[in-house]
Amino acid sequence: MKRSEAKSLGQIIDEAINMTGQADDFNAYRLSSLWPDVVGQAINRMTTRRYVDSNHIFHVYLTSAVVKNELSFNRTALVEALNRAVGSTVITDIKFH
């Protein structure tokens, strides 16, 4: 048996996730967990709930109408920043509630 090149643990985990067909779910989870890093802790504290639906729309529930309005103006930049943070196109839009 011929040895192949050594793989990092991260590569092995990524391959396993892709083989099981769970890559979309895993990336959606990663995106949601990266939300505080992208928007900052102040906005994260005003976030009550967030999830990615089957249409690749990221739903974010906020406690402040002012923050909701401000984030709505930056929707496109947030979509790009979140997808870039994950390293894959996970969402196509954000809906603020």
PDB file of N, CA and C in Angstrom:
ATOM      1  N   MET A   1       0.843  -1.172   0.000  1.00  0.00           N
ATOM      2  CA  MET A   1       0.000   0.000   0.000  1.00  0.00           C
ATOM      3  C   MET A   1       0.892   1.240   0.000  1.00  0.00           C
ATOM      4  N   LYS A   2       0.583   2.183  -0.854  1.00  0.00           N
ATOM      5  CA  LYS A   2       1.372   3.391  -0.994  1.00  0.00           C
ATOM      6  C   LYS A   2       0.838   4.468  -0.050  1.00  0.00           C
ATOM      7  N   ARG A   3       1.749   5.158   0.633  1.00  0.00           N
ATOM      8  CA  ARG A   3       1.342   6.229   1.541  1.00  0.00           C
ATOM      9  C   ARG A   3       1.036   7.495   0.754  1.00  0.00           C
ATOM     10  N   SER A   4       0.006   8.155   1.171  1.00  0.00           N
ATOM     11  CA  SER A   4      -0.319   9.430   0.536  1.00  0.00           C
ATOM     12  C   SER A   4       0.288  10.554   1.374  1.00  0.00           C
ATOM     13  N   GLU A   5       0.141  11.761   0.893  1.00  0.00           N
ATOM     14  CA  GLU A   5       0.671  12.907   1.616  1.00  0.00           C
ATOM     15  C   GLU A   5      -0.053  13.051   2.950  1.00  0.00           C
ATOM     16  N   ALA A   6       0.675  13.549   3.932  1.00  0.00           N
ATOM     17  CA  ALA A   6       0.084  13.773   5.251  1.00  0.00           C
ATOM     18  C   ALA A   6      -0.949  14.891   5.158  1.00  0.00           C
ATOM     19  N   LYS A   7      -2.052  14.723   5.859  1.00  0.00           N
ATOM     20  CA  LYS A   7      -3.117  15.718   5.872  1.00  0.00           C
ATOM     21  C   LYS A   7      -3.258  16.270   7.278  1.00  0.00           C
ATOM     22  N   SER A   8      -3.648  17.526   7.350  1.00  0.00           N
ATOM     23  CA  SER A   8      -3.891  18.121   8.658  1.00  0.00           C
ATOM     24  C   SER A   8      -5.234  17.618   9.189  1.00  0.00           C
ATOM     25  N   LEU A   9      -5.417  17.746  10.472  1.00  0.00           N
ATOM     26  CA  LEU A   9      -6.674  17.327  11.090  1.00  0.00           C
ATOM     27  C   LEU A   9      -7.839  18.129  10.510  1.00  0.00           C
ATOM     28  N   GLY A  10      -7.609  19.412  10.253  1.00  0.00           N
ATOM     29  CA  GLY A  10      -8.649  20.253   9.662  1.00  0.00           C
ATOM     30  C   GLY A  10      -9.091  19.760   8.297  1.00  0.00           C
ATOM     31  N   GLN A  11      -8.129  19.318   7.479  1.00  0.00           N
ATOM     32  CA  GLN A  11      -8.466  18.790   6.155  1.00  0.00           C
ATOM     33  C   GLN A  11      -9.280  17.508   6.274  1.00  0.00           C
ATOM     34  N   ILE A  12      -8.906  16.662   7.211  1.00  0.00           N
ATOM     35  CA  ILE A  12      -9.626  15.401   7.409  1.00  0.00           C
ATOM     36  C   ILE A  12     -11.058  15.668   7.864  1.00  0.00           C
ATOM     37  N   ILE A  13     -11.227  16.617   8.785  1.00  0.00           N
ATOM     38  CA  ILE A  13     -12.567  16.959   9.271  1.00  0.00           C
ATOM     39  C   ILE A  13     -13.404  17.546   8.139  1.00  0.00           C
ATOM     40  N   ASP A  14     -12.815  18.459   7.349  1.00  0.00           N
ATOM     41  CA  ASP A  14     -13.543  19.039   6.212  1.00  0.00           C
ATOM     42  C   ASP A  14     -13.987  17.965   5.227  1.00  0.00           C
ATOM     43  N   GLU A  15     -13.114  17.009   4.934  1.00  0.00           N
ATOM     44  CA  GLU A  15     -13.471  15.925   4.015  1.00  0.00           C
ATOM     45  C   GLU A  15     -14.605  15.074   4.576  1.00  0.00           C
ATOM     46  N   ALA A  16     -14.559  14.797   5.873  1.00  0.00           N
ATOM     47  CA  ALA A  16     -15.609  13.991   6.500  1.00  0.00           C
ATOM     48  C   ALA A  16     -16.951  14.719   6.458  1.00  0.00           C
ATOM     49  N   ILE A  17     -16.939  16.018   6.728  1.00  0.00           N
ATOM     50  CA  ILE A  17     -18.175  16.806   6.689  1.00  0.00           C
ATOM     51  C   ILE A  17     -18.740  16.830   5.275  1.00  0.00           C
ATOM     52  N   ASN A  18     -17.886  17.012   4.287  1.00  0.00           N
ATOM     53  CA  ASN A  18     -18.345  17.030   2.889  1.00  0.00           C
ATOM     54  C   ASN A  18     -18.883  15.674   2.461  1.00  0.00           C
ATOM     55  N   MET A  19     -18.250  14.590   2.915  1.00  0.00           N
ATOM     56  CA  MET A  19     -18.698  13.245   2.544  1.00  0.00           C
ATOM     57  C   MET A  19     -20.070  12.923   3.115  1.00  0.00           C
ATOM     58  N   THR A  20     -20.380  13.457   4.299  1.00  0.00           N
ATOM     59  CA  THR A  20     -21.669  13.169   4.922  1.00  0.00           C
ATOM     60  C   THR A  20     -22.776  14.092   4.425  1.00  0.00           C
ATOM     61  N   GLY A  21     -22.421  15.092   3.631  1.00  0.00           N
ATOM     62  CA  GLY A  21     -23.433  16.003   3.112  1.00  0.00           C
ATOM     63  C   GLY A  21     -23.885  17.044   4.115  1.00  0.00           C
ATOM     64  N   GLN A  22     -23.115  17.252   5.160  1.00  0.00           N
ATOM     65  CA  GLN A  22     -23.491  18.202   6.204  1.00  0.00           C
ATOM     66  C   GLN A  22     -22.755  19.537   6.087  1.00  0.00           C
ATOM     67  N   ALA A  23     -22.093  19.782   4.981  1.00  0.00           N
ATOM     68  CA  ALA A  23     -21.286  20.997   4.824  1.00  0.00           C
ATOM     69  C   ALA A  23     -22.137  22.259   4.959  1.00  0.00           C
ATOM     70  N   ASP A  24     -23.322  22.290   4.360  1.00  0.00           N
ATOM     71  CA  ASP A  24     -24.171  23.480   4.442  1.00  0.00           C
ATOM     72  C   ASP A  24     -24.597  23.759   5.876  1.00  0.00           C
ATOM     73  N   ASP A  25     -24.993  22.723   6.600  1.00  0.00           N
ATOM     74  CA  ASP A  25     -25.401  22.894   7.994  1.00  0.00           C
ATOM     75  C   ASP A  25     -24.232  23.368   8.850  1.00  0.00           C
ATOM     76  N   PHE A  26     -23.069  22.785   8.626  1.00  0.00           N
ATOM     77  CA  PHE A  26     -21.887  23.163   9.393  1.00  0.00           C
ATOM     78  C   PHE A  26     -21.496  24.610   9.103  1.00  0.00           C
ATOM     79  N   ASN A  27     -21.522  25.013   7.836  1.00  0.00           N
ATOM     80  CA  ASN A  27     -21.183  26.393   7.484  1.00  0.00           C
ATOM     81  C   ASN A  27     -22.201  27.381   8.037  1.00  0.00           C
ATOM     82  N   ALA A  28     -23.475  27.008   8.077  1.00  0.00           N
ATOM     83  CA  ALA A  28     -24.501  27.871   8.668  1.00  0.00           C
ATOM     84  C   ALA A  28     -24.245  28.050  10.159  1.00  0.00           C
ATOM     85  N   TYR A  29     -23.859  26.974  10.832  1.00  0.00           N
ATOM     86  CA  TYR A  29     -23.523  27.063  12.254  1.00  0.00           C
ATOM     87  C   TYR A  29     -22.307  27.964  12.455  1.00  0.00           C
ATOM     88  N   ARG A  30     -21.283  27.769  11.620  1.00  0.00           N
ATOM     89  CA  ARG A  30     -20.073  28.592  11.725  1.00  0.00           C
ATOM     90  C   ARG A  30     -20.401  30.062  11.492  1.00  0.00           C
ATOM     91  N   LEU A  31     -21.245  30.343  10.505  1.00  0.00           N
ATOM     92  CA  LEU A  31     -21.618  31.716  10.206  1.00  0.00           C
ATOM     93  C   LEU A  31     -22.303  32.353  11.408  1.00  0.00           C
ATOM     94  N   SER A  32     -23.237  31.639  12.003  1.00  0.00           N
ATOM     95  CA  SER A  32     -23.951  32.163  13.160  1.00  0.00           C
ATOM     96  C   SER A  32     -23.000  32.411  14.331  1.00  0.00           C
ATOM     97  N   SER A  33     -22.034  31.526  14.510  1.00  0.00           N
ATOM     98  CA  SER A  33     -21.089  31.701  15.620  1.00  0.00           C
ATOM     99  C   SER A  33     -20.087  32.822  15.352  1.00  0.00           C
ATOM    100  N   LEU A  34     -19.898  33.209  14.096  1.00  0.00           N
ATOM    101  CA  LEU A  34     -18.986  34.307  13.753  1.00  0.00           C
ATOM    102  C   LEU A  34     -19.667  35.678  13.792  1.00  0.00           C
ATOM    103  N   TRP A  35     -20.977  35.714  13.959  1.00  0.00           N
ATOM    104  CA  TRP A  35     -21.735  36.967  14.006  1.00  0.00           C
ATOM    105  C   TRP A  35     -21.130  37.975  14.986  1.00  0.00           C
ATOM    106  N   PRO A  36     -20.809  37.597  16.241  1.00  0.00           N
ATOM    107  CA  PRO A  36     -20.228  38.580  17.167  1.00  0.00           C
ATOM    108  C   PRO A  36     -18.892  39.144  16.682  1.00  0.00           C
ATOM    109  N   ASP A  37     -18.088  38.334  16.025  1.00  0.00           N
ATOM    110  CA  ASP A  37     -16.795  38.808  15.526  1.00  0.00           C
ATOM    111  C   ASP A  37     -16.960  39.814  14.392  1.00  0.00           C
ATOM    112  N   VAL A  38     -17.984  39.637  13.584  1.00  0.00           N
ATOM    113  CA  VAL A  38     -18.195  40.513  12.424  1.00  0.00           C
ATOM    114  C   VAL A  38     -18.843  41.832  12.838  1.00  0.00           C
ATOM    115  N   VAL A  39     -19.851  41.784  13.711  1.00  0.00           N
ATOM    116  CA  VAL A  39     -20.585  43.006  14.065  1.00  0.00           C
ATOM    117  C   VAL A  39     -20.121  43.642  15.367  1.00  0.00           C
ATOM    118  N   GLY A  40     -19.394  42.915  16.184  1.00  0.00           N
ATOM    119  CA  GLY A  40     -18.932  43.443  17.464  1.00  0.00           C
ATOM    120  C   GLY A  40     -19.842  43.042  18.614  1.00  0.00           C
ATOM    121  N   GLN A  41     -19.295  43.145  19.810  1.00  0.00           N
ATOM    122  CA  GLN A  41     -20.023  42.703  21.002  1.00  0.00           C
ATOM    123  C   GLN A  41     -21.228  43.581  21.330  1.00  0.00           C
ATOM    124  N   ALA A  42     -21.145  44.882  21.054  1.00  0.00           N
ATOM    125  CA  ALA A  42     -22.265  45.774  21.378  1.00  0.00           C
ATOM    126  C   ALA A  42     -23.526  45.373  20.612  1.00  0.00           C
ATOM    127  N   ILE A  43     -23.390  45.128  19.324  1.00  0.00           N
ATOM    128  CA  ILE A  43     -24.547  44.717  18.516  1.00  0.00           C
ATOM    129  C   ILE A  43     -24.947  43.290  18.858  1.00  0.00           C
ATOM    130  N   ASN A  44     -23.982  42.445  19.136  1.00  0.00           N
ATOM    131  CA  ASN A  44     -24.296  41.061  19.497  1.00  0.00           C
ATOM    132  C   ASN A  44     -25.156  40.998  20.759  1.00  0.00           C
ATOM    133  N   ARG A  45     -24.910  41.901  21.709  1.00  0.00           N
ATOM    134  CA  ARG A  45     -25.718  41.910  22.939  1.00  0.00           C
ATOM    135  C   ARG A  45     -27.181  42.262  22.657  1.00  0.00           C
ATOM    136  N   MET A  46     -27.430  42.941  21.548  1.00  0.00           N
ATOM    137  CA  MET A  46     -28.803  43.300  21.176  1.00  0.00           C
ATOM    138  C   MET A  46     -29.445  42.250  20.273  1.00  0.00           C
ATOM    139  N   THR A  47     -28.714  41.182  19.989  1.00  0.00           N
ATOM    140  CA  THR A  47     -29.213  40.097  19.146  1.00  0.00           C
ATOM    141  C   THR A  47     -29.805  39.016  20.034  1.00  0.00           C
ATOM    142  N   THR A  48     -31.059  38.650  19.780  1.00  0.00           N
ATOM    143  CA  THR A  48     -31.697  37.631  20.611  1.00  0.00           C
ATOM    144  C   THR A  48     -31.704  36.258  19.953  1.00  0.00           C
ATOM    145  N   ARG A  49     -31.739  36.231  18.633  1.00  0.00           N
ATOM    146  CA  ARG A  49     -31.823  34.953  17.920  1.00  0.00           C
ATOM    147  C   ARG A  49     -31.298  35.136  16.506  1.00  0.00           C
ATOM    148  N   ARG A  50     -30.688  34.087  15.962  1.00  0.00           N
ATOM    149  CA  ARG A  50     -30.203  34.140  14.578  1.00  0.00           C
ATOM    150  C   ARG A  50     -30.129  32.736  14.015  1.00  0.00           C
ATOM    151  N   TYR A  51     -30.462  32.613  12.726  1.00  0.00           N
ATOM    152  CA  TYR A  51     -30.392  31.309  12.058  1.00  0.00           C
ATOM    153  C   TYR A  51     -30.384  31.513  10.548  1.00  0.00           C
ATOM    154  N   VAL A  52     -29.927  30.490   9.826  1.00  0.00           N
ATOM    155  CA  VAL A  52     -29.922  30.490   8.362  1.00  0.00           C
ATOM    156  C   VAL A  52     -31.024  29.539   7.909  1.00  0.00           C
ATOM    157  N   ASP A  53     -31.926  30.030   7.048  1.00  0.00           N
ATOM    158  CA  ASP A  53     -33.012  29.166   6.569  1.00  0.00           C
ATOM    159  C   ASP A  53     -32.589  28.400   5.313  1.00  0.00           C
ATOM    160  N   SER A  54     -33.504  27.594   4.799  1.00  0.00           N
ATOM    161  CA  SER A  54     -33.190  26.736   3.648  1.00  0.00           C
ATOM    162  C   SER A  54     -32.989  27.523   2.353  1.00  0.00           C
ATOM    163  N   ASN A  55     -33.404  28.788   2.333  1.00  0.00           N
ATOM    164  CA  ASN A  55     -33.215  29.645   1.160  1.00  0.00           C
ATOM    165  C   ASN A  55     -31.936  30.479   1.261  1.00  0.00           C
ATOM    166  N   HIS A  56     -31.080  30.140   2.207  1.00  0.00           N
ATOM    167  CA  HIS A  56     -29.797  30.828   2.422  1.00  0.00           C
ATOM    168  C   HIS A  56     -29.980  32.281   2.850  1.00  0.00           C
ATOM    169  N   ILE A  57     -31.032  32.535   3.606  1.00  0.00           N
ATOM    170  CA  ILE A  57     -31.268  33.861   4.166  1.00  0.00           C
ATOM    171  C   ILE A  57     -30.968  33.784   5.658  1.00  0.00           C
ATOM    172  N   PHE A  58     -30.149  34.722   6.133  1.00  0.00           N
ATOM    173  CA  PHE A  58     -29.752  34.782   7.536  1.00  0.00           C
ATOM    174  C   PHE A  58     -30.752  35.671   8.265  1.00  0.00           C
ATOM    175  N   HIS A  59     -31.488  35.102   9.209  1.00  0.00           N
ATOM    176  CA  HIS A  59     -32.477  35.837   9.987  1.00  0.00           C
ATOM    177  C   HIS A  59     -31.852  36.243  11.312  1.00  0.00           C
ATOM    178  N   VAL A  60     -31.947  37.543  11.620  1.00  0.00           N
ATOM    179  CA  VAL A  60     -31.365  38.079  12.849  1.00  0.00           C
ATOM    180  C   VAL A  60     -32.455  38.843  13.593  1.00  0.00           C
ATOM    181  N   TYR A  61     -32.687  38.474  14.848  1.00  0.00           N
ATOM    182  CA  TYR A  61     -33.677  39.134  15.691  1.00  0.00           C
ATOM    183  C   TYR A  61     -32.951  40.078  16.640  1.00  0.00           C
ATOM    184  N   LEU A  62     -33.386  41.342  16.646  1.00  0.00           N
ATOM    185  CA  LEU A  62     -32.725  42.383  17.429  1.00  0.00           C
ATOM    186  C   LEU A  62     -33.702  43.020  18.410  1.00  0.00           C
ATOM    187  N   THR A  63     -33.159  43.560  19.497  1.00  0.00           N
ATOM    188  CA  THR A  63     -33.993  44.220  20.499  1.00  0.00           C
ATOM    189  C   THR A  63     -34.093  45.727  20.274  1.00  0.00           C
ATOM    190  N   SER A  64     -33.327  46.265  19.347  1.00  0.00           N
ATOM    191  CA  SER A  64     -33.294  47.703  19.105  1.00  0.00           C
ATOM    192  C   SER A  64     -33.701  48.019  17.666  1.00  0.00           C
ATOM    193  N   ALA A  65     -34.730  48.841  17.523  1.00  0.00           N
ATOM    194  CA  ALA A  65     -35.173  49.255  16.189  1.00  0.00           C
ATOM    195  C   ALA A  65     -34.125  50.137  15.514  1.00  0.00           C
ATOM    196  N   VAL A  66     -33.403  50.919  16.303  1.00  0.00           N
ATOM    197  CA  VAL A  66     -32.366  51.789  15.751  1.00  0.00           C
ATOM    198  C   VAL A  66     -31.243  50.950  15.145  1.00  0.00           C
ATOM    199  N   VAL A  67     -30.806  49.929  15.868  1.00  0.00           N
ATOM    200  CA  VAL A  67     -29.744  49.044  15.372  1.00  0.00           C
ATOM    201  C   VAL A  67     -30.243  48.280  14.150  1.00  0.00           C
ATOM    202  N   LYS A  68     -31.480  47.829  14.201  1.00  0.00           N
ATOM    203  CA  LYS A  68     -32.069  47.115  13.055  1.00  0.00           C
ATOM    204  C   LYS A  68     -32.031  47.992  11.807  1.00  0.00           C
ATOM    205  N   ASN A  69     -32.408  49.250  11.956  1.00  0.00           N
ATOM    206  CA  ASN A  69     -32.409  50.181  10.829  1.00  0.00           C
ATOM    207  C   ASN A  69     -30.989  50.419  10.314  1.00  0.00           C
ATOM    208  N   GLU A  70     -30.043  50.619  11.210  1.00  0.00           N
ATOM    209  CA  GLU A  70     -28.650  50.860  10.819  1.00  0.00           C
ATOM    210  C   GLU A  70     -28.060  49.649  10.095  1.00  0.00           C
ATOM    211  N   LEU A  71     -28.315  48.459  10.613  1.00  0.00           N
ATOM    212  CA  LEU A  71     -27.798  47.248   9.973  1.00  0.00           C
ATOM    213  C   LEU A  71     -28.440  47.023   8.605  1.00  0.00           C
ATOM    214  N   SER A  72     -29.689  47.423   8.455  1.00  0.00           N
ATOM    215  CA  SER A  72     -30.371  47.272   7.165  1.00  0.00           C
ATOM    216  C   SER A  72     -29.672  48.066   6.070  1.00  0.00           C
ATOM    217  N   PHE A  73     -29.129  49.232   6.440  1.00  0.00           N
ATOM    218  CA  PHE A  73     -28.400  50.041   5.464  1.00  0.00           C
ATOM    219  C   PHE A  73     -27.096  49.373   5.032  1.00  0.00           C
ATOM    220  N   ASN A  74     -26.541  48.531   5.896  1.00  0.00           N
ATOM    221  CA  ASN A  74     -25.262  47.867   5.622  1.00  0.00           C
ATOM    222  C   ASN A  74     -25.435  46.391   5.279  1.00  0.00           C
ATOM    223  N   ARG A  75     -26.609  46.017   4.842  1.00  0.00           N
ATOM    224  CA  ARG A  75     -26.938  44.611   4.582  1.00  0.00           C
ATOM    225  C   ARG A  75     -25.960  43.946   3.609  1.00  0.00           C
ATOM    226  N   THR A  76     -25.691  44.569   2.489  1.00  0.00           N
ATOM    227  CA  THR A  76     -24.814  43.975   1.468  1.00  0.00           C
ATOM    228  C   THR A  76     -23.407  43.752   2.006  1.00  0.00           C
ATOM    229  N   ALA A  77     -22.878  44.742   2.704  1.00  0.00           N
ATOM    230  CA  ALA A  77     -21.530  44.613   3.274  1.00  0.00           C
ATOM    231  C   ALA A  77     -21.486  43.517   4.333  1.00  0.00           C
ATOM    232  N   LEU A  78     -22.554  43.382   5.109  1.00  0.00           N
ATOM    233  CA  LEU A  78     -22.605  42.327   6.129  1.00  0.00           C
ATOM    234  C   LEU A  78     -22.648  40.940   5.499  1.00  0.00           C
ATOM    235  N   VAL A  79     -23.421  40.783   4.435  1.00  0.00           N
ATOM    236  CA  VAL A  79     -23.478  39.488   3.734  1.00  0.00           C
ATOM    237  C   VAL A  79     -22.085  39.111   3.250  1.00  0.00           C
ATOM    238  N   GLU A  80     -21.401  40.066   2.632  1.00  0.00           N
ATOM    239  CA  GLU A  80     -20.050  39.795   2.125  1.00  0.00           C
ATOM    240  C   GLU A  80     -19.079  39.472   3.255  1.00  0.00           C
ATOM    241  N   ALA A  81     -19.145  40.237   4.347  1.00  0.00           N
ATOM    242  CA  ALA A  81     -18.229  40.023   5.471  1.00  0.00           C
ATOM    243  C   ALA A  81     -18.465  38.668   6.135  1.00  0.00           C
ATOM    244  N   LEU A  82     -19.716  38.283   6.305  1.00  0.00           N
ATOM    245  CA  LEU A  82     -20.022  36.992   6.928  1.00  0.00           C
ATOM    246  C   LEU A  82     -19.591  35.832   6.037  1.00  0.00           C
ATOM    247  N   ASN A  83     -19.877  35.920   4.751  1.00  0.00           N
ATOM    248  CA  ASN A  83     -19.450  34.857   3.828  1.00  0.00           C
ATOM    249  C   ASN A  83     -17.926  34.761   3.772  1.00  0.00           C
ATOM    250  N   ARG A  84     -17.259  35.907   3.784  1.00  0.00           N
ATOM    251  CA  ARG A  84     -15.798  35.915   3.771  1.00  0.00           C
ATOM    252  C   ARG A  84     -15.242  35.287   5.055  1.00  0.00           C
ATOM    253  N   ALA A  85     -15.878  35.566   6.190  1.00  0.00           N
ATOM    254  CA  ALA A  85     -15.428  35.007   7.468  1.00  0.00           C
ATOM    255  C   ALA A  85     -15.541  33.485   7.483  1.00  0.00           C
ATOM    256  N   VAL A  86     -16.577  32.956   6.846  1.00  0.00           N
ATOM    257  CA  VAL A  86     -16.767  31.503   6.780  1.00  0.00           C
ATOM    258  C   VAL A  86     -15.869  30.890   5.710  1.00  0.00           C
ATOM    259  N   GLY A  87     -15.595  31.661   4.658  1.00  0.00           N
ATOM    260  CA  GLY A  87     -14.776  31.148   3.567  1.00  0.00           C
ATOM    261  C   GLY A  87     -15.581  30.461   2.484  1.00  0.00           C
ATOM    262  N   SER A  88     -16.889  30.724   2.472  1.00  0.00           N
ATOM    263  CA  SER A  88     -17.783  30.096   1.508  1.00  0.00           C
ATOM    264  C   SER A  88     -19.039  30.956   1.393  1.00  0.00           C
ATOM    265  N   THR A  89     -19.736  30.862   0.277  1.00  0.00           N
ATOM    266  CA  THR A  89     -20.992  31.594   0.125  1.00  0.00           C
ATOM    267  C   THR A  89     -22.099  30.794   0.800  1.00  0.00           C
ATOM    268  N   VAL A  90     -22.404  31.190   2.025  1.00  0.00           N
ATOM    269  CA  VAL A  90     -23.400  30.489   2.834  1.00  0.00           C
ATOM    270  C   VAL A  90     -24.747  31.189   2.746  1.00  0.00           C
ATOM    271  N   ILE A  91     -24.730  32.532   2.738  1.00  0.00           N
ATOM    272  CA  ILE A  91     -25.982  33.293   2.711  1.00  0.00           C
ATOM    273  C   ILE A  91     -26.016  34.212   1.500  1.00  0.00           C
ATOM    274  N   THR A  92     -27.234  34.517   1.071  1.00  0.00           N
ATOM    275  CA  THR A  92     -27.425  35.446  -0.040  1.00  0.00           C
ATOM    276  C   THR A  92     -28.045  36.757   0.424  1.00  0.00           C
ATOM    277  N   ASP A  93     -28.649  36.759   1.614  1.00  0.00           N
ATOM    278  CA  ASP A  93     -29.302  37.959   2.134  1.00  0.00           C
ATOM    279  C   ASP A  93     -29.433  37.845   3.648  1.00  0.00           C
ATOM    280  N   ILE A  94     -29.705  38.984   4.280  1.00  0.00           N
ATOM    281  CA  ILE A  94     -29.970  39.023   5.721  1.00  0.00           C
ATOM    282  C   ILE A  94     -31.326  39.685   5.908  1.00  0.00           C
ATOM    283  N   LYS A  95     -32.120  39.122   6.792  1.00  0.00           N
ATOM    284  CA  LYS A  95     -33.414  39.703   7.132  1.00  0.00           C
ATOM    285  C   LYS A  95     -33.388  40.025   8.626  1.00  0.00           C
ATOM    286  N   PHE A  96     -33.632  41.282   8.951  1.00  0.00           N
ATOM    287  CA  PHE A  96     -33.621  41.717  10.348  1.00  0.00           C
ATOM    288  C   PHE A  96     -35.049  41.777  10.873  1.00  0.00           C
ATOM    289  N   HIS A  97     -35.238  41.258  12.061  1.00  0.00           N
ATOM    290  CA  HIS A  97     -36.565  41.226  12.697  1.00  0.00           C
ATOM    291  C   HIS A  97     -36.498  41.970  14.015  1.00  0.00           C
TER     292      HIS A  97
END
